[in-house]
Structures are given as structure tokens and as C-alpha cells.
N, C-alpha and C. Protein backbone atom coordinates (compact mmCIF):
# COMPACT_ATOMS: atom_id res chain seq x y z
N UNK A 1 27.54 -29.37 -15.67
CA UNK A 1 26.84 -28.88 -14.63
C UNK A 1 25.78 -27.72 -14.95
N UNK A 2 24.73 -27.79 -14.42
CA UNK A 2 23.72 -26.70 -14.93
C UNK A 2 23.99 -25.50 -14.24
N UNK A 3 23.80 -24.49 -15.09
CA UNK A 3 24.18 -23.12 -14.79
C UNK A 3 23.39 -22.40 -13.80
N UNK A 4 22.17 -23.05 -13.88
CA UNK A 4 21.00 -22.43 -13.15
C UNK A 4 20.87 -22.64 -11.57
N UNK A 5 21.73 -23.81 -11.22
CA UNK A 5 21.73 -24.45 -9.79
C UNK A 5 22.96 -23.59 -9.15
N UNK A 6 22.52 -23.15 -7.96
CA UNK A 6 23.53 -22.57 -6.99
C UNK A 6 24.65 -23.84 -6.27
N UNK A 7 23.91 -24.82 -5.97
CA UNK A 7 24.49 -25.74 -5.18
C UNK A 7 24.33 -27.19 -5.77
N UNK A 8 25.39 -27.98 -5.70
CA UNK A 8 25.12 -29.40 -6.14
C UNK A 8 25.49 -30.52 -4.93
N UNK A 9 24.72 -31.46 -4.88
CA UNK A 9 25.27 -32.46 -3.85
C UNK A 9 26.49 -33.10 -4.12
N UNK A 10 26.95 -33.79 -3.15
CA UNK A 10 28.30 -34.68 -3.34
C UNK A 10 28.10 -35.48 -4.35
N UNK A 11 27.00 -36.29 -4.45
CA UNK A 11 26.47 -37.36 -5.50
C UNK A 11 26.78 -36.59 -6.91
N UNK A 12 25.99 -35.58 -7.01
CA UNK A 12 25.97 -34.89 -8.47
C UNK A 12 27.66 -34.38 -8.84
N UNK A 13 28.30 -33.92 -7.94
CA UNK A 13 29.62 -33.52 -8.04
C UNK A 13 30.40 -34.56 -8.61
N UNK A 14 30.38 -35.87 -7.68
CA UNK A 14 31.13 -37.03 -7.90
C UNK A 14 30.82 -37.43 -9.28
N UNK A 15 29.57 -37.57 -9.69
CA UNK A 15 29.16 -38.29 -10.93
C UNK A 15 29.68 -37.32 -11.87
N UNK A 16 29.46 -36.08 -11.90
CA UNK A 16 29.97 -35.03 -12.94
C UNK A 16 31.42 -35.22 -13.48
N UNK A 17 32.18 -35.36 -12.04
CA UNK A 17 33.67 -35.19 -12.25
C UNK A 17 34.37 -36.65 -12.39
N UNK A 18 33.45 -37.79 -12.16
CA UNK A 18 34.06 -38.94 -12.25
C UNK A 18 34.95 -39.23 -11.10
N UNK A 19 34.41 -38.97 -9.81
CA UNK A 19 35.11 -39.28 -8.79
C UNK A 19 34.32 -39.88 -7.94
N UNK A 20 35.03 -40.57 -6.87
CA UNK A 20 34.35 -41.14 -5.81
C UNK A 20 33.82 -40.29 -4.78
N UNK A 21 32.73 -40.43 -3.95
CA UNK A 21 32.47 -39.52 -3.06
C UNK A 21 33.55 -39.47 -1.87
N UNK A 22 33.96 -40.53 -1.38
CA UNK A 22 35.11 -40.62 -0.39
C UNK A 22 36.26 -39.75 -0.82
N UNK A 23 36.55 -39.46 -2.04
CA UNK A 23 37.70 -38.85 -2.44
C UNK A 23 37.37 -37.37 -2.13
N UNK A 24 35.97 -36.93 -2.45
CA UNK A 24 35.62 -35.53 -2.37
C UNK A 24 35.67 -35.29 -0.94
N UNK A 25 35.28 -36.17 -0.02
CA UNK A 25 35.32 -35.99 1.36
C UNK A 25 36.63 -35.76 1.95
N UNK A 26 37.63 -36.48 1.62
CA UNK A 26 39.09 -36.58 1.86
C UNK A 26 39.77 -35.33 1.44
N UNK A 27 39.37 -34.92 0.09
CA UNK A 27 39.94 -33.54 -0.28
C UNK A 27 39.53 -32.30 0.49
N UNK A 28 38.33 -32.45 1.09
CA UNK A 28 37.95 -31.33 1.98
C UNK A 28 38.83 -31.14 3.08
N UNK A 29 39.36 -32.24 3.69
CA UNK A 29 40.40 -32.27 4.80
C UNK A 29 41.63 -31.82 4.45
N UNK A 30 41.94 -31.84 2.94
CA UNK A 30 43.51 -31.59 2.50
C UNK A 30 43.66 -30.17 2.01
N UNK A 31 42.47 -29.57 1.45
CA UNK A 31 42.61 -28.20 0.54
C UNK A 31 41.46 -27.42 1.31
N UNK A 32 42.06 -26.29 1.64
CA UNK A 32 40.96 -25.40 2.40
C UNK A 32 39.98 -24.57 1.34
N UNK A 33 40.43 -24.84 0.16
CA UNK A 33 39.85 -24.14 -1.03
C UNK A 33 38.24 -25.02 -1.30
N UNK A 34 38.45 -26.24 -0.82
CA UNK A 34 37.17 -27.11 -0.96
C UNK A 34 36.45 -27.23 0.39
N UNK A 35 35.44 -26.06 0.56
CA UNK A 35 34.47 -26.18 1.70
C UNK A 35 33.00 -26.12 1.29
N UNK A 36 32.60 -27.28 1.18
CA UNK A 36 31.13 -27.16 0.77
C UNK A 36 30.22 -26.70 2.03
N UNK A 37 29.11 -25.97 1.65
CA UNK A 37 28.25 -25.81 2.65
C UNK A 37 27.47 -26.99 3.19
N UNK A 38 27.27 -27.06 4.41
CA UNK A 38 26.67 -28.08 5.06
C UNK A 38 25.37 -28.00 5.59
N UNK A 39 24.38 -28.64 4.88
CA UNK A 39 22.84 -28.32 5.64
C UNK A 39 22.29 -29.50 5.69
N UNK A 40 21.72 -29.60 7.18
CA UNK A 40 21.12 -30.83 7.48
C UNK A 40 21.91 -32.25 7.05
N UNK A 41 23.43 -31.93 7.46
CA UNK A 41 24.15 -33.09 7.35
C UNK A 41 24.75 -33.39 5.83
N UNK A 42 24.07 -32.64 4.80
CA UNK A 42 24.48 -32.83 3.52
C UNK A 42 25.49 -31.85 2.96
N UNK A 43 26.36 -32.19 2.26
CA UNK A 43 27.45 -31.38 1.46
C UNK A 43 26.79 -30.71 0.17
N UNK A 44 26.81 -29.56 0.12
CA UNK A 44 26.38 -28.50 -1.00
C UNK A 44 27.49 -27.81 -1.56
N UNK A 45 27.96 -28.16 -2.80
CA UNK A 45 28.93 -27.63 -3.37
C UNK A 45 28.63 -26.38 -4.49
N UNK A 46 29.33 -25.25 -4.15
CA UNK A 46 28.77 -24.18 -5.26
C UNK A 46 29.85 -24.20 -6.30
N UNK A 47 29.76 -23.39 -7.39
CA UNK A 47 30.63 -23.35 -8.42
C UNK A 47 32.26 -23.02 -7.98
N UNK A 48 32.42 -22.34 -7.03
CA UNK A 48 33.71 -22.10 -6.72
C UNK A 48 34.46 -23.35 -6.20
N UNK A 49 33.81 -23.94 -5.33
CA UNK A 49 34.26 -25.23 -4.91
C UNK A 49 34.53 -26.27 -5.88
N UNK A 50 33.54 -26.16 -7.03
CA UNK A 50 33.65 -27.28 -7.84
C UNK A 50 34.85 -26.99 -8.83
N UNK A 51 35.18 -25.79 -9.10
CA UNK A 51 36.35 -25.35 -9.84
C UNK A 51 37.62 -25.64 -9.31
N UNK A 52 37.61 -25.58 -7.62
CA UNK A 52 38.64 -25.94 -7.05
C UNK A 52 38.90 -27.53 -7.01
N UNK A 53 37.84 -28.22 -7.18
CA UNK A 53 37.92 -29.72 -7.18
C UNK A 53 38.38 -30.16 -8.61
N UNK A 54 38.03 -29.42 -9.54
CA UNK A 54 38.68 -29.67 -10.95
C UNK A 54 40.02 -29.27 -11.04
N UNK A 55 40.40 -28.37 -10.61
CA UNK A 55 41.78 -28.06 -10.47
C UNK A 55 42.85 -29.14 -9.72
N UNK A 56 42.24 -29.40 -8.59
CA UNK A 56 43.05 -30.50 -7.79
C UNK A 56 43.04 -31.86 -8.49
N UNK A 57 41.77 -32.11 -9.05
CA UNK A 57 41.68 -33.44 -10.00
C UNK A 57 42.95 -33.57 -11.06
N UNK A 58 42.87 -32.11 -11.68
CA UNK A 58 43.80 -32.05 -12.91
C UNK A 58 45.11 -32.19 -12.35
N UNK A 59 45.61 -31.47 -11.37
CA UNK A 59 46.80 -31.68 -10.92
C UNK A 59 47.35 -32.93 -10.54
N UNK A 60 46.62 -33.55 -9.74
CA UNK A 60 46.83 -34.99 -9.11
C UNK A 60 46.80 -36.02 -10.36
N UNK A 61 45.72 -36.01 -11.01
CA UNK A 61 45.61 -37.04 -12.00
C UNK A 61 46.24 -36.91 -13.40
N UNK A 62 46.29 -35.55 -13.81
CA UNK A 62 46.84 -35.46 -15.21
C UNK A 62 48.19 -35.12 -15.08
N UNK A 63 48.64 -34.08 -14.08
CA UNK A 63 49.94 -33.67 -13.97
C UNK A 63 50.88 -34.39 -13.21
N UNK A 64 50.31 -35.21 -12.27
CA UNK A 64 51.12 -35.98 -11.38
C UNK A 64 51.68 -35.61 -10.14
N UNK A 65 50.95 -34.50 -9.75
CA UNK A 65 51.47 -33.88 -8.57
C UNK A 65 51.03 -34.89 -7.33
N UNK A 66 51.73 -34.56 -6.05
CA UNK A 66 51.25 -35.20 -4.83
C UNK A 66 50.29 -34.30 -4.20
N UNK A 67 49.69 -34.73 -3.14
CA UNK A 67 48.94 -33.82 -2.36
C UNK A 67 49.49 -32.74 -1.90
N UNK A 68 50.87 -33.03 -1.42
CA UNK A 68 51.62 -31.94 -0.80
C UNK A 68 52.02 -30.94 -1.99
N UNK A 69 52.24 -31.35 -3.05
CA UNK A 69 52.64 -30.42 -4.16
C UNK A 69 51.42 -29.73 -4.71
N UNK A 70 50.19 -30.10 -4.73
CA UNK A 70 49.03 -29.25 -4.90
C UNK A 70 48.91 -28.26 -3.88
N UNK A 71 49.08 -28.69 -2.54
CA UNK A 71 48.94 -27.90 -1.43
C UNK A 71 49.88 -26.68 -1.52
N UNK A 72 51.01 -27.07 -2.11
CA UNK A 72 52.02 -26.02 -2.28
C UNK A 72 51.66 -24.93 -3.40
N UNK A 73 51.24 -25.68 -4.37
CA UNK A 73 50.72 -24.67 -5.47
C UNK A 73 49.49 -23.65 -5.12
N UNK A 74 48.77 -24.43 -4.35
CA UNK A 74 47.36 -23.52 -3.78
C UNK A 74 48.26 -22.46 -2.82
N UNK A 75 49.25 -22.66 -2.12
CA UNK A 75 49.70 -21.70 -1.40
C UNK A 75 50.53 -20.47 -2.11
N UNK A 76 51.02 -21.04 -3.27
CA UNK A 76 51.64 -20.18 -4.08
C UNK A 76 50.78 -19.22 -4.69
N UNK A 77 49.57 -19.73 -4.98
CA UNK A 77 48.31 -18.78 -5.52
C UNK A 77 48.06 -17.75 -4.72
N UNK A 78 48.03 -18.18 -3.35
CA UNK A 78 47.50 -17.13 -2.47
C UNK A 78 48.71 -16.00 -2.31
N UNK A 79 49.88 -16.38 -2.30
CA UNK A 79 51.01 -15.37 -2.24
C UNK A 79 51.07 -14.57 -3.34
N UNK A 80 50.82 -15.15 -4.55
CA UNK A 80 50.77 -14.39 -5.78
C UNK A 80 49.44 -13.36 -5.71
N UNK A 81 48.47 -13.73 -5.30
CA UNK A 81 47.18 -13.00 -5.18
C UNK A 81 47.59 -11.74 -4.30
N UNK A 82 48.31 -12.13 -3.06
CA UNK A 82 48.41 -11.03 -2.03
C UNK A 82 49.40 -10.05 -2.65
N UNK A 83 50.62 -10.53 -3.50
CA UNK A 83 51.59 -9.75 -4.02
C UNK A 83 50.75 -8.70 -5.11
N UNK A 84 49.94 -9.44 -5.79
CA UNK A 84 49.23 -8.55 -6.76
C UNK A 84 48.29 -7.66 -6.26
N UNK A 85 47.58 -8.03 -5.15
CA UNK A 85 46.73 -6.97 -4.34
C UNK A 85 47.53 -5.84 -3.85
N UNK A 86 48.73 -6.03 -3.40
CA UNK A 86 49.62 -5.06 -2.78
C UNK A 86 50.13 -4.18 -4.10
N UNK A 87 50.58 -4.78 -5.15
CA UNK A 87 50.93 -4.01 -6.11
C UNK A 87 49.81 -2.93 -6.68
N UNK A 88 48.55 -3.54 -6.70
CA UNK A 88 47.56 -2.78 -7.21
C UNK A 88 47.18 -1.63 -6.20
N UNK A 89 47.17 -1.84 -4.97
CA UNK A 89 47.05 -0.97 -3.86
C UNK A 89 48.00 0.11 -4.02
N UNK A 90 49.37 -0.20 -4.06
CA UNK A 90 50.38 0.83 -4.35
C UNK A 90 50.04 1.63 -5.61
N UNK A 91 49.46 1.19 -6.68
CA UNK A 91 49.28 1.75 -8.07
C UNK A 91 48.25 2.79 -7.77
N UNK A 92 47.13 2.22 -7.07
CA UNK A 92 46.07 3.30 -6.74
C UNK A 92 46.56 4.38 -5.75
N UNK A 93 47.31 4.22 -4.85
CA UNK A 93 47.81 5.29 -3.96
C UNK A 93 48.67 6.12 -4.97
N UNK A 94 49.46 5.78 -5.76
CA UNK A 94 50.31 6.48 -6.56
C UNK A 94 49.47 7.44 -7.24
N UNK A 95 48.51 6.98 -7.98
CA UNK A 95 47.64 7.54 -8.96
C UNK A 95 46.68 8.61 -8.26
N UNK A 96 46.33 8.29 -7.03
CA UNK A 96 45.39 9.17 -6.26
C UNK A 96 46.27 10.55 -5.97
N UNK A 97 47.64 10.11 -5.61
CA UNK A 97 48.38 11.34 -5.12
C UNK A 97 48.86 12.20 -6.48
N UNK A 98 49.03 11.60 -7.43
CA UNK A 98 49.11 12.16 -8.65
C UNK A 98 48.02 13.20 -8.97
N UNK A 99 46.80 12.67 -9.01
CA UNK A 99 45.53 13.30 -9.38
C UNK A 99 45.22 14.56 -8.12
N UNK A 100 45.51 14.06 -6.95
CA UNK A 100 45.51 15.40 -5.95
C UNK A 100 46.54 16.23 -6.27
N UNK A 101 47.79 16.13 -6.56
CA UNK A 101 48.75 17.05 -6.80
C UNK A 101 48.37 17.92 -8.04
N UNK A 102 47.84 17.17 -9.05
CA UNK A 102 47.29 18.12 -10.25
C UNK A 102 46.14 19.00 -10.01
N UNK A 103 45.27 18.58 -9.26
CA UNK A 103 44.15 19.54 -8.78
C UNK A 103 44.69 20.59 -7.64
N UNK A 104 45.81 20.34 -6.97
CA UNK A 104 46.40 21.60 -6.21
C UNK A 104 46.95 22.47 -7.10
N UNK A 105 47.75 22.01 -8.05
CA UNK A 105 48.45 22.89 -8.99
C UNK A 105 47.41 23.63 -9.85
N UNK A 106 46.42 23.11 -10.27
CA UNK A 106 45.34 23.68 -11.03
C UNK A 106 44.54 25.03 -9.99
N UNK A 107 44.29 24.62 -9.01
CA UNK A 107 43.80 25.65 -8.11
C UNK A 107 44.79 26.79 -7.62
N UNK A 108 46.18 26.57 -7.87
CA UNK A 108 47.10 27.56 -7.45
C UNK A 108 47.16 28.60 -8.48
């Protein structure tokens, strides 16, 4: 895929990834990560969508996952991301409190 383009048509994506266009349209309904922009009735895929499509293709075709299995893995990805975000938030709060305590001790 050309690094300079921001969006790719369904035909370009299908050709590049060796998939049929109807498969891409079907996957849109199955995976919320694949949401192309629609302009004048045309589907335009950005790099993020294309990466999600590659991941789905790999899991279905190479690893032998079912649609439900891939959906579950994507759900796990979301939970892992939320947990990581919470841990980072907790760490930030802890470090902020430590910094504030040290500044208070220095002023005293």
C-alpha cells in the first residue's frame, strides 16, 4: 500500500490483500474495528482499518479462528487496553502524589 495515500477504495484493499470485496463488506458487519469512511456511497479505508483487516484475515485464514473466536480476541484486546490504561492512570496518580509530597517537604 502506498504510504502517501490516506484512504484506499474497497477495490484497492481487496486486490492488495487478496480478498473479495464482498468479504470486506461482510467483515464490516462482524468487526467494529473495520469501519471504512463512506463518501458518496464509496467505502474508503484508512490504514487503521487495513491493519484490522489484515489481523482478521490472519486469524481466520492462517490461525483457523472462527468469526466468533476473532470477535472474542478483539474483545480481549479491548479489555487488555482498558486494564493497561487503568494501571497507567494509577501509576500517574501515585507519581504525582509522590512529587507533591516531596515538594511539600522541601518547602517546610
